[in-house]
């Protein structure tokens, strides 16, 4: 079980998204990341699905809290989802108090970068 799924398994501050709903759009400013506690999310770049993220413990939108660039992808609920929103303040607290959370976010980013590089 991942650090994210352990940290958020009893979360009550989740948001629900029905299947097909857009969570965020490519090009928009972003100030929130999300932890999937239930369901699946498709991530699209230029309208093409590049990967899917499932719960519990899946991470999406993390780049918004690491740099100040607009969203690099669109996220759409593939199934009905429960997502825990993480703002900058909570993200900073989590990485200070739970180093494994920070490592998990970095692993996720590295895995996605490697996957994208493999397609080039």
N, C-alpha and C. Protein backbone atom coordinates (compact mmCIF):
# COMPACT_ATOMS: atom_id res chain seq x y z
N UNK A 1 0.85 -1.19 0.00
CA UNK A 1 0.00 0.00 0.00
C UNK A 1 0.89 1.24 0.00
N UNK A 2 0.54 2.25 -0.80
CA UNK A 2 1.36 3.44 -0.93
C UNK A 2 1.16 4.38 0.25
N UNK A 3 2.11 5.31 0.41
CA UNK A 3 2.01 6.31 1.47
C UNK A 3 0.74 7.14 1.29
N UNK A 4 0.41 7.47 0.05
CA UNK A 4 -0.79 8.27 -0.21
C UNK A 4 -2.05 7.54 0.19
N UNK A 5 -2.13 6.25 -0.14
CA UNK A 5 -3.35 5.53 0.20
C UNK A 5 -3.48 5.38 1.71
N UNK A 6 -2.36 5.22 2.41
CA UNK A 6 -2.41 5.15 3.88
C UNK A 6 -2.80 6.49 4.49
N UNK A 7 -2.20 7.56 3.99
CA UNK A 7 -2.46 8.90 4.54
C UNK A 7 -3.91 9.34 4.37
N UNK A 8 -4.52 8.92 3.28
CA UNK A 8 -5.83 9.45 2.94
C UNK A 8 -6.95 8.42 2.99
N UNK A 9 -6.68 7.24 3.54
CA UNK A 9 -7.70 6.18 3.54
C UNK A 9 -8.95 6.56 4.31
N UNK A 10 -8.84 7.42 5.32
CA UNK A 10 -10.00 7.84 6.10
C UNK A 10 -10.39 9.30 5.86
N UNK A 11 -9.92 9.86 4.75
CA UNK A 11 -10.18 11.27 4.46
C UNK A 11 -11.68 11.53 4.32
N UNK A 12 -12.11 12.63 4.87
CA UNK A 12 -13.51 13.03 4.74
C UNK A 12 -13.64 14.31 3.92
N UNK A 13 -12.52 14.90 3.53
CA UNK A 13 -12.54 16.17 2.80
C UNK A 13 -12.41 15.95 1.29
N UNK A 14 -12.91 14.83 0.80
CA UNK A 14 -12.81 14.52 -0.62
C UNK A 14 -13.88 15.24 -1.43
N UNK A 15 -13.60 15.35 -2.73
CA UNK A 15 -14.57 15.88 -3.68
C UNK A 15 -14.98 14.71 -4.58
N UNK A 16 -16.23 14.70 -4.99
CA UNK A 16 -16.69 13.65 -5.88
C UNK A 16 -16.83 14.21 -7.30
N UNK A 17 -16.49 13.37 -8.27
CA UNK A 17 -16.59 13.71 -9.68
C UNK A 17 -17.28 12.55 -10.39
N UNK A 18 -18.39 12.82 -11.07
CA UNK A 18 -19.04 11.74 -11.83
C UNK A 18 -18.22 11.38 -13.06
N UNK A 19 -18.41 10.19 -13.57
CA UNK A 19 -17.71 9.76 -14.79
C UNK A 19 -17.94 10.79 -15.89
N UNK A 20 -16.85 11.15 -16.58
CA UNK A 20 -16.93 12.10 -17.68
C UNK A 20 -16.69 13.55 -17.30
N UNK A 21 -16.68 13.85 -16.01
CA UNK A 21 -16.48 15.24 -15.59
C UNK A 21 -15.00 15.63 -15.67
N UNK A 22 -14.75 16.85 -16.15
CA UNK A 22 -13.38 17.37 -16.21
C UNK A 22 -12.99 17.88 -14.83
N UNK A 23 -11.82 17.44 -14.37
CA UNK A 23 -11.30 17.84 -13.06
C UNK A 23 -10.46 19.12 -13.21
N UNK A 24 -9.62 19.14 -14.23
CA UNK A 24 -8.91 20.36 -14.62
C UNK A 24 -8.53 20.25 -16.08
N UNK A 25 -8.23 21.43 -16.69
CA UNK A 25 -7.95 21.48 -18.13
C UNK A 25 -6.53 21.95 -18.41
N UNK A 26 -5.97 21.36 -19.45
CA UNK A 26 -4.67 21.77 -19.96
C UNK A 26 -4.69 23.26 -20.24
N UNK A 27 -3.63 23.95 -19.83
CA UNK A 27 -3.51 25.39 -20.08
C UNK A 27 -4.04 26.27 -18.97
N UNK A 28 -4.88 25.72 -18.09
CA UNK A 28 -5.40 26.50 -16.98
C UNK A 28 -4.33 26.67 -15.90
N UNK A 29 -4.41 27.75 -15.10
CA UNK A 29 -3.54 27.83 -13.93
C UNK A 29 -3.96 26.75 -12.95
N UNK A 30 -3.01 26.25 -12.20
CA UNK A 30 -3.32 25.19 -11.24
C UNK A 30 -2.76 25.52 -9.87
N UNK A 31 -3.55 25.30 -8.83
CA UNK A 31 -3.08 25.53 -7.46
C UNK A 31 -3.46 24.37 -6.55
N UNK A 32 -3.76 23.22 -7.16
CA UNK A 32 -4.25 22.08 -6.41
C UNK A 32 -3.77 20.80 -7.07
N UNK A 33 -3.39 19.82 -6.25
CA UNK A 33 -3.18 18.47 -6.74
C UNK A 33 -4.25 17.60 -6.09
N UNK A 34 -4.36 16.36 -6.52
CA UNK A 34 -5.39 15.47 -5.99
C UNK A 34 -4.83 14.09 -5.71
N UNK A 35 -5.38 13.46 -4.68
CA UNK A 35 -5.10 12.07 -4.37
C UNK A 35 -6.38 11.30 -4.65
N UNK A 36 -6.28 10.24 -5.44
CA UNK A 36 -7.45 9.42 -5.75
C UNK A 36 -7.68 8.46 -4.59
N UNK A 37 -8.87 8.52 -4.01
CA UNK A 37 -9.18 7.53 -2.98
C UNK A 37 -10.15 6.47 -3.52
N UNK A 38 -10.79 6.79 -4.63
CA UNK A 38 -11.69 5.83 -5.26
C UNK A 38 -11.92 6.26 -6.70
N UNK A 39 -11.90 5.29 -7.62
CA UNK A 39 -12.19 5.57 -9.02
C UNK A 39 -10.96 5.66 -9.89
N UNK A 40 -11.17 6.06 -11.15
CA UNK A 40 -10.09 6.19 -12.12
C UNK A 40 -10.21 7.51 -12.87
N UNK A 41 -9.05 8.08 -13.19
CA UNK A 41 -8.97 9.36 -13.89
C UNK A 41 -8.10 9.18 -15.13
N UNK A 42 -8.57 9.69 -16.27
CA UNK A 42 -7.76 9.71 -17.48
C UNK A 42 -7.05 11.05 -17.56
N UNK A 43 -5.79 11.01 -17.96
CA UNK A 43 -5.00 12.22 -18.16
C UNK A 43 -4.73 12.34 -19.65
N UNK A 44 -5.12 13.49 -20.21
CA UNK A 44 -5.00 13.73 -21.64
C UNK A 44 -4.07 14.90 -21.93
N UNK A 45 -3.28 14.76 -22.98
CA UNK A 45 -2.44 15.85 -23.48
C UNK A 45 -2.86 16.06 -24.93
N UNK A 46 -3.22 17.29 -25.25
CA UNK A 46 -3.71 17.64 -26.59
C UNK A 46 -4.86 16.72 -27.00
N UNK A 47 -5.74 16.39 -26.05
CA UNK A 47 -6.92 15.59 -26.33
C UNK A 47 -6.70 14.09 -26.41
N UNK A 48 -5.47 13.62 -26.22
CA UNK A 48 -5.16 12.19 -26.31
C UNK A 48 -4.85 11.65 -24.91
N UNK A 49 -5.48 10.53 -24.55
CA UNK A 49 -5.21 9.91 -23.25
C UNK A 49 -3.77 9.39 -23.24
N UNK A 50 -2.99 9.88 -22.27
CA UNK A 50 -1.60 9.44 -22.15
C UNK A 50 -1.40 8.44 -21.02
N UNK A 51 -2.26 8.47 -20.02
CA UNK A 51 -2.27 7.46 -18.98
C UNK A 51 -3.51 7.62 -18.13
N UNK A 52 -3.77 6.58 -17.33
CA UNK A 52 -4.89 6.60 -16.40
C UNK A 52 -4.35 6.40 -15.00
N UNK A 53 -5.03 7.00 -14.04
CA UNK A 53 -4.62 6.92 -12.64
C UNK A 53 -5.78 6.33 -11.86
N UNK A 54 -5.48 5.31 -11.05
CA UNK A 54 -6.51 4.70 -10.24
C UNK A 54 -6.23 4.86 -8.76
N UNK A 55 -7.25 4.62 -7.99
CA UNK A 55 -7.11 4.71 -6.55
C UNK A 55 -7.13 3.34 -5.93
N UNK A 56 -6.88 3.23 -4.69
CA UNK A 56 -6.56 4.35 -3.80
C UNK A 56 -5.08 4.74 -3.87
N UNK A 57 -4.83 6.02 -3.69
CA UNK A 57 -3.46 6.52 -3.60
C UNK A 57 -2.88 7.12 -4.85
N UNK A 58 -3.59 7.07 -5.98
CA UNK A 58 -3.08 7.68 -7.19
C UNK A 58 -2.94 9.19 -7.03
N UNK A 59 -1.94 9.76 -7.69
CA UNK A 59 -1.62 11.19 -7.57
C UNK A 59 -1.80 11.85 -8.93
N UNK A 60 -2.46 13.02 -8.94
CA UNK A 60 -2.56 13.78 -10.19
C UNK A 60 -2.52 15.27 -9.90
N UNK A 61 -2.03 16.01 -10.89
CA UNK A 61 -1.98 17.46 -10.77
C UNK A 61 -0.84 17.98 -9.91
N UNK A 62 0.11 17.11 -9.58
CA UNK A 62 1.19 17.49 -8.66
C UNK A 62 2.10 18.58 -9.23
N UNK A 63 2.24 18.64 -10.54
CA UNK A 63 3.14 19.65 -11.12
C UNK A 63 2.67 21.06 -10.80
N UNK A 64 1.38 21.25 -10.60
CA UNK A 64 0.84 22.58 -10.28
C UNK A 64 1.40 23.12 -8.97
N UNK A 65 1.78 22.22 -8.06
CA UNK A 65 2.31 22.67 -6.78
C UNK A 65 3.84 22.75 -6.78
N UNK A 66 4.45 22.29 -7.86
CA UNK A 66 5.91 22.29 -7.92
C UNK A 66 6.43 23.43 -8.77
N UNK A 67 5.70 23.78 -9.84
CA UNK A 67 6.09 24.95 -10.62
C UNK A 67 4.86 25.84 -10.79
N UNK A 68 5.05 26.97 -11.41
CA UNK A 68 3.94 27.92 -11.54
C UNK A 68 3.40 27.97 -12.96
N UNK A 69 3.72 26.97 -13.74
CA UNK A 69 3.28 26.92 -15.13
C UNK A 69 1.81 26.48 -15.22
N UNK A 70 1.15 26.82 -16.33
CA UNK A 70 -0.22 26.34 -16.52
C UNK A 70 -0.25 24.81 -16.57
N UNK A 71 -1.42 24.25 -16.36
CA UNK A 71 -1.59 22.79 -16.39
C UNK A 71 -1.07 22.24 -17.71
N UNK A 72 -0.32 21.14 -17.63
CA UNK A 72 0.26 20.54 -18.83
C UNK A 72 -0.64 19.46 -19.41
N UNK A 73 -1.75 19.16 -18.73
CA UNK A 73 -2.66 18.10 -19.18
C UNK A 73 -4.07 18.40 -18.69
N UNK A 74 -5.00 17.64 -19.23
CA UNK A 74 -6.39 17.67 -18.80
C UNK A 74 -6.66 16.39 -18.03
N UNK A 75 -7.42 16.47 -16.95
CA UNK A 75 -7.80 15.28 -16.19
C UNK A 75 -9.32 15.14 -16.22
N UNK A 76 -9.78 13.95 -16.60
CA UNK A 76 -11.21 13.66 -16.71
C UNK A 76 -11.51 12.38 -15.93
N UNK A 77 -12.56 12.41 -15.15
CA UNK A 77 -12.98 11.23 -14.40
C UNK A 77 -13.40 10.14 -15.38
N UNK A 78 -12.69 9.03 -15.38
CA UNK A 78 -13.06 7.88 -16.23
C UNK A 78 -14.25 7.15 -15.62
N UNK A 79 -14.23 7.04 -14.30
CA UNK A 79 -15.34 6.46 -13.54
C UNK A 79 -15.72 7.49 -12.48
N UNK A 80 -16.78 7.23 -11.74
CA UNK A 80 -17.09 8.10 -10.61
C UNK A 80 -15.89 8.06 -9.66
N UNK A 81 -15.48 9.23 -9.19
CA UNK A 81 -14.25 9.33 -8.39
C UNK A 81 -14.47 10.09 -7.09
N UNK A 82 -13.65 9.74 -6.12
CA UNK A 82 -13.50 10.53 -4.90
C UNK A 82 -12.04 10.94 -4.87
N UNK A 83 -11.81 12.26 -4.85
CA UNK A 83 -10.45 12.81 -4.87
C UNK A 83 -10.27 13.75 -3.69
N UNK A 84 -9.11 13.66 -3.05
CA UNK A 84 -8.78 14.58 -1.97
C UNK A 84 -7.95 15.72 -2.56
N UNK A 85 -8.45 16.96 -2.49
CA UNK A 85 -7.67 18.09 -3.00
C UNK A 85 -6.56 18.48 -2.02
N UNK A 86 -5.40 18.77 -2.58
CA UNK A 86 -4.24 19.16 -1.77
C UNK A 86 -3.76 20.51 -2.29
N UNK A 87 -3.85 21.56 -1.45
CA UNK A 87 -3.34 22.87 -1.85
C UNK A 87 -1.87 23.00 -1.43
N UNK A 88 -1.27 24.14 -1.76
CA UNK A 88 0.16 24.33 -1.50
C UNK A 88 0.49 24.20 -0.01
N UNK A 89 -0.33 24.78 0.85
CA UNK A 89 -0.08 24.73 2.29
C UNK A 89 -0.09 23.29 2.80
N UNK A 90 -1.09 22.54 2.39
CA UNK A 90 -1.20 21.14 2.84
C UNK A 90 -0.08 20.29 2.24
N UNK A 91 0.26 20.55 0.98
CA UNK A 91 1.35 19.83 0.33
C UNK A 91 2.65 20.04 1.09
N UNK A 92 2.95 21.29 1.44
CA UNK A 92 4.17 21.59 2.18
C UNK A 92 4.17 20.89 3.53
N UNK A 93 3.05 20.90 4.22
CA UNK A 93 2.92 20.20 5.50
C UNK A 93 3.17 18.70 5.32
N UNK A 94 2.55 18.11 4.30
CA UNK A 94 2.68 16.67 4.07
C UNK A 94 4.12 16.26 3.78
N UNK A 95 4.81 17.03 2.95
CA UNK A 95 6.19 16.63 2.62
C UNK A 95 7.13 16.86 3.80
N UNK A 96 6.80 17.81 4.68
CA UNK A 96 7.62 18.01 5.88
C UNK A 96 7.37 16.91 6.92
N UNK A 97 6.12 16.54 7.09
CA UNK A 97 5.75 15.59 8.14
C UNK A 97 5.83 14.14 7.69
N UNK A 98 5.75 13.90 6.39
CA UNK A 98 5.71 12.53 5.87
C UNK A 98 6.65 12.43 4.67
N UNK A 99 7.94 12.25 4.93
CA UNK A 99 8.90 12.21 3.82
C UNK A 99 8.55 11.17 2.74
N UNK A 100 7.93 10.07 3.13
CA UNK A 100 7.57 9.06 2.13
C UNK A 100 6.55 9.60 1.13
N UNK A 101 5.74 10.54 1.56
CA UNK A 101 4.78 11.17 0.64
C UNK A 101 5.55 11.92 -0.45
N UNK A 102 6.57 12.67 -0.05
CA UNK A 102 7.38 13.42 -1.02
C UNK A 102 8.08 12.47 -1.99
N UNK A 103 8.61 11.38 -1.47
CA UNK A 103 9.29 10.40 -2.32
C UNK A 103 8.29 9.78 -3.30
N UNK A 104 7.09 9.50 -2.83
CA UNK A 104 6.07 8.92 -3.71
C UNK A 104 5.70 9.88 -4.84
N UNK A 105 5.55 11.16 -4.53
CA UNK A 105 5.24 12.14 -5.57
C UNK A 105 6.39 12.20 -6.58
N UNK A 106 7.64 12.18 -6.11
CA UNK A 106 8.78 12.21 -7.02
C UNK A 106 8.84 10.94 -7.87
N UNK A 107 8.56 9.79 -7.28
CA UNK A 107 8.53 8.54 -8.06
C UNK A 107 7.47 8.59 -9.14
N UNK A 108 6.31 9.12 -8.79
CA UNK A 108 5.22 9.25 -9.76
C UNK A 108 5.66 10.12 -10.92
N UNK A 109 6.26 11.26 -10.62
CA UNK A 109 6.71 12.17 -11.68
C UNK A 109 7.79 11.51 -12.54
N UNK A 110 8.74 10.81 -11.91
CA UNK A 110 9.81 10.14 -12.65
C UNK A 110 9.25 9.05 -13.56
N UNK A 111 8.29 8.28 -13.06
CA UNK A 111 7.68 7.21 -13.85
C UNK A 111 6.97 7.79 -15.07
N UNK A 112 6.24 8.88 -14.88
CA UNK A 112 5.53 9.49 -16.00
C UNK A 112 6.49 10.09 -17.02
N UNK A 113 7.57 10.70 -16.54
CA UNK A 113 8.57 11.26 -17.44
C UNK A 113 9.23 10.15 -18.26
N UNK A 114 9.57 9.05 -17.62
CA UNK A 114 10.17 7.92 -18.35
C UNK A 114 9.21 7.36 -19.39
N UNK A 115 7.93 7.26 -19.01
CA UNK A 115 6.93 6.74 -19.94
C UNK A 115 6.79 7.66 -21.14
N UNK A 116 6.77 8.98 -20.90
CA UNK A 116 6.66 9.93 -22.00
C UNK A 116 7.90 9.90 -22.88
N UNK A 117 9.07 9.78 -22.25
CA UNK A 117 10.33 9.70 -23.03
C UNK A 117 10.34 8.48 -23.92
N UNK A 118 9.78 7.37 -23.43
CA UNK A 118 9.76 6.12 -24.20
C UNK A 118 8.91 6.26 -25.45
N UNK A 119 7.98 7.19 -25.46
CA UNK A 119 7.13 7.37 -26.63
C UNK A 119 7.78 8.27 -27.69
N UNK A 120 8.85 8.94 -27.33
CA UNK A 120 9.51 9.86 -28.27
C UNK A 120 10.43 9.13 -29.23
